[in-house]
Every structure is written in C-alpha cells, then in structure tokens.
Amino acid sequence: MNTSNFRVEYDLLGERQIPQEAYYGVHTLRAVENFQISGVTIAAYPELVNALASVKQAAAEANAELGLLDPALRDGIVAACVEVRQGKLHDQFVVDMIQGGAGTSTNMNANEVICNRALEILGHHRGDYTYLHPNEHVNLAQSTNDVYPTALRIATCFAIERLLGAMKILRDAFAEKAEEFAGLLKLGRTQLQDAVPMTLGQEFSTYVVMLDEDMARLGETSALIREINLGATAIGTGITAHPEYAGKALVALNRITGLELSTAPNLIEATQDCGAFVQISGVLKRIAVKLSKTCNDLRLLSSGPRAGFGEINLPPMQAGSSIMPGKVNPVIPEVVNQIAFEVFGSDVAITFAAEAGQLQLNAFEPMIAVSLFRSFKHLTNGCTTLAERCVKGITANPERLRETIERSIALATALNPYIGYKNATSVASEAHANGTTVREVVLARKLMTESELDDALRPEELVRPRVYAAKAVVPKLSTADEPAGAPGLPAD
C-alpha cells in the first residue's frame, strides 16, 4: 500500500495517482477528467446508484451459485452492494451523467466503488486488486451493455412509483377542492369567450380526471420497462457468461429489488432497442402537457386581483415585485409550467438519442438516462409542490362568480329549448348592445313569464342535461326585431 495521500492504479493508458480516501479508481478518474459537461453526477439520481448496486449484487450471487466466484469474494461484494443500496458511498459516484462510451464510465464507477469497499470488508486495502478486482470479479459475466440498460430500467421502475405517489397527492388535493366548490355556479369559457354555466367544482373535477388518466397510462408503461437484457453481455449473444447465468441473476435481482422483472426473449434485440424509454418519455410529456394546461387555467382564473378574472385566489407565497408594492404572482403554477417546458425538450432529446443507435448497441443511453431521470425528478417535485403550496390553499370568490353569471349573455344558450335559437340570439345581441341582462330582455319582450324564466335558469339545471318538452316552431324574426348594430353570436 502507498502510505502517501495517493495510491497508484493502472489501466491500458498507464498509471495514475488516486486519492487514498477515494473508493473509485483509475477508470472513474479518467472519466471525471474527460466528461466535465453538466456538473450533474450519477449521485444526483439515487435510484440509478441503487439499481447499479442491485445488478452487481445479483451478478455476484449468480456467479457464486454457478461456482464461478469464490463465496468469500461474493460475500464481500454483496456486503458492499447492500451498503450502497442503503445510501452509503453515493458521494463516490462522481462521473458526469452525460458521457461518451455508452455508459461504460458509469459501470466502471460502480465496479470500482463496490470493489474497494468489498476489499475493506474482506480485510484488505483499497486498490489491492490482487485480492478482488473490479473487472475480473465485480464485473464477472457482465458488460456495460447489459448492466447499464438493466440498471436504467430498474431505476425507472422506482422513479415511476415515486411520481405516481406525487401525482396521487396532487389528484387528491384537486378532488378536495372539487368537493368544496361543488355548489358554486360560474361561467364556463371556450376560446376565452363566455360559454355556458358550470360549477367551480366541475371545473376542478376535470383536473382530477386528467391526473387519473395519466396515472393509469404511467402504470401501463411500468410493465413495459420491466423487461431486461441482463446476461446479454456485449451484444446480446451472452459471450463470457454461463448458460444459466441470466436466469439465476434474474431470480436474484427480483428478490433484491422486489420487482417482477423478466428476461427479454431476444437479447440481441433488447441490447440495441431503446423503444421502451421513448414510450415512457412520451407518457411523461403527456403528463407535463396536461399539468401545464392546468397551471395555465389556475393563472387565468386567479388573474387580477382587480383587472383579471379574479374567480379564485391562489395562496400568496412571496412578494411578486421589487418595484410594485403589494403585487403577488402565481409563482407555483409558473414553476410547474417551466418544468413542463423542460420535459418537452427532454422528450425530444430522448427521441434523437434512441434513433441514433447503430447496429447492435445504442451508445447514447447516457443522454436517455439524464433526460429521463431529470423529467421524473422534476415532475415528482413539481406535483408535490403544486399540491402543497398552491392547490390546497386555493379559495373561491363567490361574489365574482355570481356577477359573471348574472351579467353574461351566455345565459341565452340555456333558453334555446324554450324560445328557440333565433330568439335567443336576438336576446343575447340586445343584452350585449345595451348593457342589460338576458333576464331583463326576455321579460321585456314577454318571451317567457318570470316563473318560467326562474325555472329555466335554476342553477342546478344549468350544469347538467335536462329533459325538455317538444318545441313548437318558432316564427322567423324580421330584421326589425334585431337590435341595430348588435353583433350576432356564433354557434360555438
């Protein structure tokens, strides 16, 4: 052992000094020097680090069972892997997520950290590879080309579970508000124009449904990602691996992770195909699209407080301006909007990376990994933030909701079954031109009695289907019946 602050390690390019306290080795050091790209290391995604340790543990157990790895060495490797999966040594996974080499640097970082910790457990010093070697033992019967994609899939399974949990929190927050606002009548809008009445509860219930649908789609992708290529080694032929290795490693991996993984039926195809990641990214984009749309709605509905919609109030989180006193901005919906924009871009990056694979390997899985896990992480944090710091604190403005309903010419739509579309259009046009209400115009023209009008405009009847009596033919209005200069109303 070198008693200085460094130890010497060797690779095919020569020797390098490694800090004595480091658990990583020469391959990791070169990768750190080569790939100073994003500043985001593997350690930023604990699911990936734990997945790598799970693969290494399963491989050691399978190889020992097959008589290819000494039981004492297996025990050291397994003990080191368990520690990593418990959250230890994550700071030693120092390679940048964006890297060349199809993930080889990530695999070697895992091999070296696990090897050096196992050496300590076995009573040796870090770097004493004559007793236990990163490639010969920790990486036995493996290649980056099956370790890396298998770890990505395992990490994705756990990332899906975490995102589903965060979406459930947000979904339940919207559901509570939908129930709270169930009796508040308001005006719906299409194309930002007055449409027909609805309740604020109905409006919030749509966000519940959208989240339910997206949670279902995300759950479906979880089954797709559970097919792994461990045992494929370099290109899928299984070279250097025992014929029974893939099956035994799978059994161990399922036990270690608690997942129901399966071995791909064609390992050559599975080693080069990244279609599953493209599909998952598409679902994440779908989630982001609808979350962003929801946040657009929240910003519009809360706009004001005097000159906007002003129908709901978002909880104030911070001062909104360095120059305008009293201004409060919708900062939580805004940050979720920006998360969505990032997810859109990551989906494009994943698409290009999956397409760029050539022949028996895709060398661009690191870009898939960093883009995918960033989307998962930010969407997960975004959902919980939106729920806890926005949705749960939303309040309604009943007076404003009532005002928009009473003054809206859109109420004329509810009178179509009683006075006909032509009359309803004329009523709406006159009300709009003269600044009066639909109720006032209908009563002035004696198109309906007050009791008939009250019945037709009952709040509970305005927000659901209703059985109407057969309508008589409505006489055609003369042009004199149309208020001068009043605009007609479109059908939708």
Protein backbone atom coordinates (compact mmCIF):
# COMPACT_ATOMS: atom_id res chain seq x y z
CA MET A 1 0.00 0.00 0.00
CA ASN A 2 1.19 3.54 -0.78
CA THR A 3 1.42 5.33 2.56
CA SER A 4 1.16 8.80 0.99
CA ASN A 5 -2.10 10.60 0.27
CA PHE A 6 -2.37 8.74 -3.03
CA ARG A 7 -2.33 5.19 -4.33
CA VAL A 8 -1.21 4.18 -7.80
CA GLU A 9 -3.59 2.38 -10.17
CA TYR A 10 -3.07 1.24 -13.75
CA ASP A 11 -5.16 0.94 -16.89
CA LEU A 12 -4.32 0.44 -20.57
CA LEU A 13 -3.22 4.08 -20.85
CA GLY A 14 -0.76 3.89 -17.99
CA GLU A 15 -0.65 4.68 -14.28
CA ARG A 16 -2.46 7.38 -12.30
CA GLN A 17 -2.44 8.55 -8.73
CA ILE A 18 -5.78 8.11 -6.99
CA PRO A 19 -6.64 9.95 -3.74
CA GLN A 20 -6.18 7.46 -0.93
CA GLU A 21 -9.60 8.24 0.55
CA ALA A 22 -11.40 7.61 -2.76
CA TYR A 23 -13.37 4.42 -3.31
CA TYR A 24 -13.37 4.95 -7.06
CA GLY A 25 -10.35 4.07 -9.20
CA VAL A 26 -8.42 4.93 -12.33
CA HIS A 27 -11.25 4.39 -14.83
CA THR A 28 -13.52 6.69 -12.87
CA LEU A 29 -10.79 9.31 -12.53
CA ARG A 30 -10.24 9.44 -16.28
CA ALA A 31 -13.99 9.73 -16.86
CA VAL A 32 -14.23 12.63 -14.41
CA GLU A 33 -11.44 14.40 -16.30
CA ASN A 34 -12.92 13.62 -19.72
CA PHE A 35 -16.56 14.45 -19.04
CA GLN A 36 -16.78 17.79 -17.29
CA ILE A 37 -20.06 18.53 -19.01
CA SER A 38 -23.16 19.09 -16.88
CA GLY A 39 -21.83 19.03 -13.34
CA VAL A 40 -24.62 16.55 -12.56
CA THR A 41 -23.13 13.28 -11.37
CA ILE A 42 -24.62 9.81 -11.07
CA ALA A 43 -25.06 10.50 -7.35
CA ALA A 44 -27.79 13.05 -8.20
CA TYR A 45 -30.10 10.11 -9.01
CA PRO A 46 -30.08 7.69 -6.06
CA GLU A 47 -32.41 5.28 -7.86
CA LEU A 48 -29.75 4.74 -10.52
CA VAL A 49 -26.93 4.23 -7.98
CA ASN A 50 -29.05 1.72 -6.06
CA ALA A 51 -30.03 -0.05 -9.28
CA LEU A 52 -26.37 -0.45 -10.26
CA ALA A 53 -25.61 -1.95 -6.84
CA SER A 54 -28.59 -4.29 -7.21
CA VAL A 55 -27.30 -5.57 -10.55
CA LYS A 56 -23.79 -6.12 -9.17
CA GLN A 57 -25.16 -7.98 -6.15
CA ALA A 58 -27.37 -10.22 -8.31
CA ALA A 59 -24.43 -10.98 -10.62
CA ALA A 60 -22.18 -11.93 -7.71
CA GLU A 61 -24.80 -14.23 -6.23
CA ALA A 62 -25.48 -15.91 -9.59
CA ASN A 63 -21.79 -16.41 -10.39
CA ALA A 64 -21.09 -17.86 -6.94
CA GLU A 65 -24.03 -20.25 -7.31
CA LEU A 66 -22.55 -21.41 -10.62
CA GLY A 67 -19.13 -21.98 -9.00
CA LEU A 68 -17.51 -19.11 -10.89
CA LEU A 69 -16.92 -16.80 -7.94
CA ASP A 70 -15.39 -17.71 -4.59
CA PRO A 71 -18.04 -17.50 -1.84
CA ALA A 72 -15.81 -15.25 0.28
CA LEU A 73 -15.45 -12.78 -2.58
CA ARG A 74 -19.20 -12.99 -3.19
CA ASP A 75 -19.84 -12.11 0.44
CA GLY A 76 -17.60 -9.06 0.24
CA ILE A 77 -19.24 -7.84 -2.96
CA VAL A 78 -22.74 -8.45 -1.61
CA ALA A 79 -21.98 -6.63 1.65
CA ALA A 80 -20.64 -3.63 -0.27
CA CYS A 81 -23.68 -3.60 -2.57
CA VAL A 82 -26.04 -3.71 0.40
CA GLU A 83 -24.30 -0.68 1.89
CA VAL A 84 -24.64 1.25 -1.36
CA ARG A 85 -28.33 0.35 -1.57
CA GLN A 86 -28.70 1.67 1.98
CA GLY A 87 -27.47 5.05 0.77
CA LYS A 88 -23.81 4.78 1.71
CA LEU A 89 -20.93 5.79 -0.60
CA HIS A 90 -23.23 7.60 -3.02
CA ASP A 91 -20.84 10.53 -2.95
CA GLN A 92 -18.26 8.27 -4.63
CA PHE A 93 -20.37 8.01 -7.80
CA VAL A 94 -18.73 11.04 -9.33
CA VAL A 95 -18.94 10.53 -13.11
CA ASP A 96 -20.98 13.08 -15.05
CA MET A 97 -24.34 11.76 -16.23
CA ILE A 98 -23.57 12.99 -19.74
CA GLN A 99 -20.68 10.90 -21.04
CA GLY A 100 -19.37 9.12 -24.08
CA GLY A 101 -18.87 5.37 -24.15
CA ALA A 102 -22.45 4.08 -23.86
CA GLY A 103 -22.33 4.21 -20.05
CA THR A 104 -19.01 2.39 -19.60
CA SER A 105 -17.76 5.07 -17.20
CA THR A 106 -20.86 4.67 -15.05
CA ASN A 107 -20.42 0.90 -14.96
CA MET A 108 -16.73 1.21 -14.06
CA ASN A 109 -17.50 3.77 -11.36
CA ALA A 110 -19.84 1.19 -9.80
CA ASN A 111 -17.33 -1.65 -10.22
CA GLU A 112 -14.54 0.32 -8.55
CA VAL A 113 -16.54 1.69 -5.62
CA ILE A 114 -18.06 -1.71 -4.84
CA CYS A 115 -14.71 -3.45 -5.26
CA ASN A 116 -12.80 -1.11 -2.98
CA ARG A 117 -15.45 -1.20 -0.27
CA ALA A 118 -15.55 -5.01 -0.55
CA LEU A 119 -11.76 -5.11 -0.17
CA GLU A 120 -12.06 -3.23 3.10
CA ILE A 121 -14.80 -5.57 4.30
CA LEU A 122 -12.55 -8.53 3.45
CA GLY A 123 -9.65 -7.02 5.43
CA HIS A 124 -7.62 -5.55 2.57
CA HIS A 125 -6.76 -2.04 1.46
CA ARG A 126 -8.38 -0.03 -1.30
CA GLY A 127 -6.61 -0.64 -4.57
CA ASP A 128 -5.29 -4.12 -3.60
CA TYR A 129 -6.83 -5.65 -6.70
CA THR A 130 -4.82 -8.88 -6.45
CA TYR A 131 -7.41 -9.99 -3.89
CA LEU A 132 -10.54 -8.66 -5.60
CA HIS A 133 -10.66 -6.95 -8.99
CA PRO A 134 -13.27 -4.51 -10.39
CA ASN A 135 -13.36 -6.22 -13.80
CA GLU A 136 -12.43 -9.80 -13.02
CA HIS A 137 -14.82 -10.24 -10.11
CA VAL A 138 -17.33 -7.39 -9.64
CA ASN A 139 -17.98 -7.24 -13.39
CA LEU A 140 -17.84 -11.03 -13.92
CA ALA A 141 -20.13 -12.26 -16.75
CA GLN A 142 -21.25 -8.68 -17.41
CA SER A 143 -20.81 -5.89 -19.91
CA THR A 144 -21.75 -2.25 -19.69
CA ASN A 145 -24.14 -3.08 -22.49
CA ASP A 146 -26.37 -5.21 -20.27
CA VAL A 147 -25.57 -3.70 -16.85
CA TYR A 148 -26.32 -0.09 -17.79
CA PRO A 149 -29.69 -0.59 -19.55
CA THR A 150 -30.80 -3.05 -16.86
CA ALA A 151 -29.97 -0.50 -14.17
CA LEU A 152 -31.80 2.20 -16.11
CA ARG A 153 -34.90 0.05 -16.23
CA ILE A 154 -34.78 -0.77 -12.53
CA ALA A 155 -34.25 2.88 -11.64
CA THR A 156 -37.12 3.84 -13.92
CA CYS A 157 -39.47 1.42 -12.14
CA PHE A 158 -38.77 3.15 -8.83
CA ALA A 159 -38.96 6.60 -10.40
CA ILE A 160 -42.40 5.70 -11.74
CA GLU A 161 -43.54 4.68 -8.26
CA ARG A 162 -42.35 7.97 -6.78
CA LEU A 163 -44.03 10.02 -9.50
CA LEU A 164 -47.28 8.09 -9.09
CA GLY A 165 -47.19 8.89 -5.36
CA ALA A 166 -46.71 12.60 -6.05
CA MET A 167 -49.47 12.63 -8.66
CA LYS A 168 -51.82 10.97 -6.15
CA ILE A 169 -51.14 13.78 -3.67
CA LEU A 170 -51.97 16.36 -6.33
CA ARG A 171 -55.00 14.43 -7.53
CA ASP A 172 -56.42 14.23 -4.01
CA ALA A 173 -55.82 17.96 -3.46
CA PHE A 174 -57.85 18.78 -6.57
CA ALA A 175 -60.55 16.30 -5.53
CA GLU A 176 -60.95 18.05 -2.18
CA LYS A 177 -61.32 21.40 -3.92
CA ALA A 178 -63.82 19.96 -6.42
CA GLU A 179 -65.99 18.86 -3.50
CA GLU A 180 -65.53 22.16 -1.66
CA PHE A 181 -66.54 24.19 -4.73
CA ALA A 182 -69.37 21.89 -5.87
CA GLY A 183 -72.14 24.42 -5.17
CA LEU A 184 -70.50 27.49 -6.70
CA LEU A 185 -72.03 28.37 -10.07
CA LYS A 186 -69.75 30.10 -12.55
CA LEU A 187 -69.41 30.80 -16.22
CA GLY A 188 -67.54 28.36 -18.42
CA ARG A 189 -65.46 29.65 -21.28
CA THR A 190 -64.43 28.43 -24.71
CA GLN A 191 -61.73 30.23 -26.66
CA LEU A 192 -61.56 32.66 -23.72
CA GLN A 193 -65.12 33.82 -24.55
CA ASP A 194 -68.22 33.42 -22.39
CA ALA A 195 -69.76 29.99 -22.91
CA VAL A 196 -72.34 28.34 -20.62
CA PRO A 197 -72.66 27.90 -16.86
CA MET A 198 -70.92 25.22 -14.85
CA THR A 199 -69.81 24.88 -11.25
CA LEU A 200 -66.36 25.65 -10.00
CA GLY A 201 -66.39 22.12 -8.60
CA GLN A 202 -66.96 20.71 -12.08
CA GLU A 203 -64.04 22.76 -13.35
CA PHE A 204 -61.72 21.38 -10.66
CA SER A 205 -63.00 17.84 -11.13
CA THR A 206 -61.60 17.83 -14.66
CA TYR A 207 -58.10 18.10 -13.20
CA VAL A 208 -58.81 15.04 -11.08
CA VAL A 209 -59.86 13.05 -14.15
CA MET A 210 -56.83 14.14 -16.15
CA LEU A 211 -54.49 13.03 -13.38
CA ASP A 212 -56.33 9.72 -13.01
CA GLU A 213 -55.94 9.04 -16.72
CA ASP A 214 -52.25 9.90 -16.74
CA MET A 215 -51.58 7.79 -13.66
CA ALA A 216 -53.17 4.85 -15.48
CA ARG A 217 -51.00 5.42 -18.57
CA LEU A 218 -47.88 5.68 -16.42
CA GLY A 219 -48.73 2.43 -14.68
CA GLU A 220 -49.02 0.71 -18.04
CA THR A 221 -45.50 1.77 -19.04
CA SER A 222 -44.14 0.25 -15.83
CA ALA A 223 -44.93 -3.23 -17.19
CA LEU A 224 -43.10 -2.45 -20.43
CA ILE A 225 -39.91 -1.32 -18.70
CA ARG A 226 -39.57 -4.47 -16.57
CA GLU A 227 -38.10 -6.49 -19.45
CA ILE A 228 -34.30 -6.50 -19.07
CA ASN A 229 -31.29 -7.74 -21.04
CA LEU A 230 -29.03 -8.82 -18.15
CA GLY A 231 -26.98 -11.76 -19.43
CA ALA A 232 -26.67 -10.32 -22.91
CA THR A 233 -23.09 -9.14 -22.20
CA ALA A 234 -21.55 -7.31 -25.18
CA ILE A 235 -24.13 -7.51 -27.98
CA GLY A 236 -26.71 -9.99 -26.77
CA THR A 237 -25.02 -13.31 -27.55
CA GLY A 238 -24.08 -13.87 -23.90
CA ILE A 239 -20.38 -14.33 -24.61
CA THR A 240 -18.28 -14.87 -21.39
CA ALA A 241 -21.42 -15.69 -19.38
CA HIS A 242 -22.50 -19.16 -18.18
CA PRO A 243 -25.61 -20.51 -19.98
CA GLU A 244 -27.54 -20.48 -16.71
CA TYR A 245 -26.28 -17.08 -15.57
CA ALA A 246 -29.10 -14.93 -16.98
CA GLY A 247 -31.80 -17.00 -15.30
CA LYS A 248 -30.08 -17.15 -11.92
CA ALA A 249 -29.18 -13.45 -12.00
CA LEU A 250 -32.82 -12.63 -12.78
CA VAL A 251 -34.07 -14.60 -9.77
CA ALA A 252 -31.59 -12.82 -7.51
CA LEU A 253 -32.39 -9.42 -8.99
CA ASN A 254 -36.12 -9.85 -8.46
CA ARG A 255 -35.53 -10.80 -4.85
CA ILE A 256 -33.18 -7.87 -4.24
CA THR A 257 -35.35 -5.21 -5.88
CA GLY A 258 -38.78 -6.59 -5.07
CA LEU A 259 -39.73 -6.10 -8.72
CA GLU A 260 -41.14 -8.62 -11.18
CA LEU A 261 -38.53 -8.30 -13.92
CA SER A 262 -38.28 -10.63 -16.88
CA THR A 263 -35.51 -11.50 -19.32
CA ALA A 264 -36.10 -10.30 -22.88
CA PRO A 265 -36.82 -13.16 -25.30
CA ASN A 266 -34.22 -11.84 -27.78
CA LEU A 267 -31.21 -10.36 -26.01
CA ILE A 268 -29.60 -9.07 -29.21
CA GLU A 269 -32.70 -7.02 -29.98
CA ALA A 270 -33.07 -5.89 -26.37
CA THR A 271 -29.46 -4.65 -26.22
CA GLN A 272 -29.93 -2.22 -29.11
CA ASP A 273 -33.59 -1.21 -28.78
CA CYS A 274 -34.50 1.86 -26.68
CA GLY A 275 -38.15 1.97 -27.68
CA ALA A 276 -39.39 1.44 -24.13
CA PHE A 277 -37.66 4.62 -23.00
CA VAL A 278 -39.20 6.54 -25.88
CA GLN A 279 -42.66 5.37 -24.86
CA ILE A 280 -42.14 6.26 -21.21
CA SER A 281 -40.83 9.67 -22.19
CA GLY A 282 -43.96 10.15 -24.27
CA VAL A 283 -46.12 9.46 -21.23
CA LEU A 284 -44.08 11.93 -19.18
CA LYS A 285 -44.61 14.51 -21.91
CA ARG A 286 -48.34 13.80 -21.82
CA ILE A 287 -48.36 14.36 -18.05
CA ALA A 288 -46.37 17.57 -18.46
CA VAL A 289 -48.69 18.88 -21.18
CA LYS A 290 -51.77 18.48 -19.01
CA LEU A 291 -50.11 19.77 -15.85
CA SER A 292 -49.03 22.86 -17.76
CA LYS A 293 -52.54 23.36 -19.14
CA THR A 294 -53.92 23.06 -15.62
CA CYS A 295 -51.45 25.67 -14.38
CA ASN A 296 -52.44 27.97 -17.26
CA ASP A 297 -56.04 27.69 -16.04
CA LEU A 298 -55.09 28.44 -12.44
CA ARG A 299 -53.17 31.53 -13.52
CA LEU A 300 -56.07 32.78 -15.63
CA LEU A 301 -58.76 32.07 -13.03
CA SER A 302 -56.74 33.85 -10.34
CA SER A 303 -55.66 36.79 -12.52
CA GLY A 304 -56.24 40.22 -11.08
CA PRO A 305 -56.95 40.96 -8.33
CA ARG A 306 -58.96 43.84 -9.86
CA ALA A 307 -58.39 43.72 -13.60
CA GLY A 308 -58.46 39.97 -14.28
CA PHE A 309 -60.81 37.00 -13.93
CA GLY A 310 -60.48 37.04 -10.16
CA GLU A 311 -62.63 33.93 -9.69
CA ILE A 312 -60.22 32.12 -7.37
CA ASN A 313 -57.38 33.12 -5.09
CA LEU A 314 -54.07 31.29 -5.06
CA PRO A 315 -52.30 31.29 -1.69
CA PRO A 316 -49.69 34.08 -1.63
CA MET A 317 -46.21 32.58 -1.48
CA GLN A 318 -43.88 35.56 -1.80
CA ALA A 319 -43.70 39.21 -2.79
CA GLY A 320 -44.19 39.48 -6.52
CA SER A 321 -42.23 42.55 -7.47
CA SER A 322 -39.19 44.56 -6.48
CA ILE A 323 -40.90 47.76 -7.64
CA MET A 324 -44.70 47.28 -7.43
CA PRO A 325 -45.87 47.24 -3.79
CA GLY A 326 -48.48 44.62 -2.89
CA LYS A 327 -48.06 42.60 -6.06
CA VAL A 328 -48.27 38.81 -5.67
CA ASN A 329 -47.52 36.48 -8.57
CA PRO A 330 -48.67 32.90 -9.28
CA VAL A 331 -45.14 31.58 -8.77
CA ILE A 332 -46.05 27.95 -8.08
CA PRO A 333 -48.03 27.39 -11.31
CA GLU A 334 -45.28 29.26 -13.14
CA VAL A 335 -42.56 26.91 -11.93
CA VAL A 336 -44.64 23.89 -12.92
CA ASN A 337 -45.12 25.42 -16.38
CA GLN A 338 -41.33 25.63 -16.69
CA ILE A 339 -40.90 22.04 -15.56
CA ALA A 340 -43.25 21.08 -18.37
CA PHE A 341 -41.21 23.02 -20.92
CA GLU A 342 -38.11 21.14 -19.77
CA VAL A 343 -39.89 17.78 -20.08
CA PHE A 344 -40.89 18.65 -23.65
CA GLY A 345 -37.25 19.30 -24.50
CA SER A 346 -36.08 16.15 -22.75
CA ASP A 347 -38.56 14.12 -24.77
CA VAL A 348 -37.02 15.45 -27.97
CA ALA A 349 -33.52 14.60 -26.69
CA ILE A 350 -34.61 11.05 -25.79
CA THR A 351 -36.18 10.62 -29.21
CA PHE A 352 -32.98 11.62 -31.00
CA ALA A 353 -30.81 9.52 -28.69
CA ALA A 354 -32.94 6.41 -29.25
CA GLU A 355 -32.92 6.93 -33.01
CA ALA A 356 -29.15 7.45 -33.14
CA GLY A 357 -28.27 3.90 -32.09
CA GLN A 358 -26.36 1.88 -34.67
CA LEU A 359 -26.31 -1.86 -35.24
CA GLN A 360 -26.01 -3.89 -32.01
CA LEU A 361 -25.75 -1.07 -29.46
CA ASN A 362 -27.07 2.37 -28.66
CA ALA A 363 -24.15 4.48 -27.48
CA PHE A 364 -26.39 7.35 -26.42
CA GLU A 365 -28.21 5.82 -23.48
CA PRO A 366 -26.48 8.28 -21.09
CA MET A 367 -28.46 11.08 -22.75
CA ILE A 368 -31.63 9.00 -22.39
CA ALA A 369 -30.80 8.41 -18.73
CA VAL A 370 -30.11 12.01 -17.75
CA SER A 371 -33.11 13.33 -19.68
CA LEU A 372 -35.49 10.68 -18.36
CA PHE A 373 -34.48 10.89 -14.71
CA ARG A 374 -34.44 14.68 -14.78
CA SER A 375 -38.03 14.62 -16.08
CA PHE A 376 -39.07 12.15 -13.40
CA LYS A 377 -37.40 14.11 -10.62
CA HIS A 378 -38.75 17.48 -11.63
CA LEU A 379 -42.27 16.24 -12.36
CA THR A 380 -42.35 14.47 -8.99
CA ASN A 381 -41.19 17.57 -7.14
CA GLY A 382 -43.49 19.75 -9.24
CA CYS A 383 -46.60 17.71 -8.40
CA THR A 384 -45.97 17.80 -4.66
CA THR A 385 -45.09 21.49 -4.76
CA LEU A 386 -48.23 22.35 -6.73
CA ALA A 387 -50.38 20.36 -4.32
CA GLU A 388 -48.87 21.54 -1.05
CA ARG A 389 -48.03 25.15 -1.88
CA CYS A 390 -50.87 26.04 -4.21
CA VAL A 391 -53.91 23.80 -4.70
CA LYS A 392 -54.59 23.05 -1.03
CA GLY A 393 -54.70 26.79 -0.29
CA ILE A 394 -56.97 27.89 -3.16
CA THR A 395 -60.10 29.80 -2.20
CA ALA A 396 -63.04 30.95 -4.33
CA ASN A 397 -64.58 34.41 -4.84
CA PRO A 398 -68.34 33.64 -4.83
CA GLU A 399 -69.38 37.25 -5.43
CA ARG A 400 -67.25 37.47 -8.56
CA LEU A 401 -68.57 34.12 -9.81
CA ARG A 402 -72.17 35.25 -9.27
CA GLU A 403 -71.56 38.56 -11.02
CA THR A 404 -70.19 36.96 -14.18
CA ILE A 405 -73.14 34.58 -14.36
CA GLU A 406 -75.81 37.23 -13.84
CA ARG A 407 -74.37 39.64 -16.40
CA SER A 408 -73.39 37.09 -19.02
CA ILE A 409 -75.23 36.98 -22.31
CA ALA A 410 -74.22 33.31 -22.46
CA LEU A 411 -77.32 32.51 -20.35
CA ALA A 412 -79.25 32.86 -23.59
CA THR A 413 -77.93 29.44 -24.59
CA ALA A 414 -79.93 27.87 -21.75
CA LEU A 415 -83.09 29.40 -23.23
CA ASN A 416 -82.68 27.79 -26.67
CA PRO A 417 -85.08 24.93 -25.82
CA TYR A 418 -87.75 27.45 -24.69
CA ILE A 419 -87.59 30.36 -27.11
CA GLY A 420 -85.53 28.93 -29.99
CA TYR A 421 -82.07 29.69 -31.25
CA LYS A 422 -83.13 32.70 -33.33
CA ASN A 423 -84.89 34.41 -30.45
CA ALA A 424 -82.08 33.51 -28.07
CA THR A 425 -79.55 35.06 -30.44
CA SER A 426 -81.60 38.22 -30.70
CA VAL A 427 -81.94 38.42 -26.92
CA ALA A 428 -78.21 37.96 -26.42
CA SER A 429 -77.39 40.56 -29.04
CA GLU A 430 -79.71 43.13 -27.50
CA ALA A 431 -78.39 42.49 -24.00
CA HIS A 432 -74.81 42.86 -25.23
CA ALA A 433 -75.54 46.03 -27.18
CA ASN A 434 -77.47 47.76 -24.40
CA GLY A 435 -75.51 46.54 -21.40
CA THR A 436 -78.55 44.83 -19.91
CA THR A 437 -79.04 41.23 -18.80
CA VAL A 438 -80.60 38.32 -20.66
CA ARG A 439 -83.28 38.10 -17.97
CA GLU A 440 -84.27 41.74 -18.45
CA VAL A 441 -84.56 41.43 -22.23
CA VAL A 442 -86.60 38.20 -22.10
CA LEU A 443 -89.07 39.68 -19.62
CA ALA A 444 -89.30 42.96 -21.54
CA ARG A 445 -90.12 41.08 -24.75
CA LYS A 446 -92.51 38.81 -22.84
CA LEU A 447 -90.90 35.73 -24.37
CA MET A 448 -91.27 33.90 -21.06
CA THR A 449 -93.00 34.56 -17.77
CA GLU A 450 -90.91 35.29 -14.71
CA SER A 451 -91.70 31.91 -13.18
CA GLU A 452 -90.84 30.13 -16.45
CA LEU A 453 -87.58 32.05 -16.62
CA ASP A 454 -86.76 31.25 -13.00
CA ASP A 455 -87.35 27.58 -13.67
CA ALA A 456 -85.23 27.60 -16.85
CA LEU A 457 -82.35 29.36 -15.12
CA ARG A 458 -82.31 27.36 -11.91
CA PRO A 459 -78.61 26.84 -11.07
CA GLU A 460 -78.88 23.08 -10.66
CA GLU A 461 -80.48 22.81 -14.12
CA LEU A 462 -77.82 24.89 -15.85
CA VAL A 463 -74.96 22.46 -15.26
CA ARG A 464 -76.41 19.12 -16.38
CA PRO A 465 -78.59 17.59 -19.10
CA ARG A 466 -82.36 18.17 -18.76
CA VAL A 467 -85.48 16.69 -20.34
CA TYR A 468 -87.35 19.33 -22.34
CA ALA A 469 -90.82 19.31 -23.84
CA ALA A 470 -91.19 19.18 -27.61
CA LYS A 471 -90.62 22.65 -29.02
CA ALA A 472 -93.14 24.37 -31.27
CA VAL A 473 -91.99 26.02 -34.49
CA VAL A 474 -90.66 29.47 -33.64
CA PRO A 475 -91.71 32.23 -36.05
CA LYS A 476 -88.91 33.75 -38.05
CA LEU A 477 -87.95 37.18 -36.79
CA SER A 478 -87.97 40.15 -39.09
CA THR A 479 -84.85 42.23 -39.45
CA ALA A 480 -86.65 44.91 -37.44
CA ASP A 481 -86.56 42.60 -34.46
CA GLU A 482 -82.76 42.63 -34.49
CA PRO A 483 -81.20 45.44 -32.44
CA ALA A 484 -79.32 47.85 -34.69
CA GLY A 485 -75.62 47.21 -34.86
CA ALA A 486 -75.76 44.27 -32.49
CA PRO A 487 -73.34 41.51 -33.36
CA GLY A 488 -74.64 38.01 -33.98
CA LEU A 489 -73.35 35.17 -31.83
CA PRO A 490 -71.52 32.15 -33.20
CA ALA A 491 -72.91 28.70 -32.50
CA ASP A 492 -69.87 27.54 -30.53
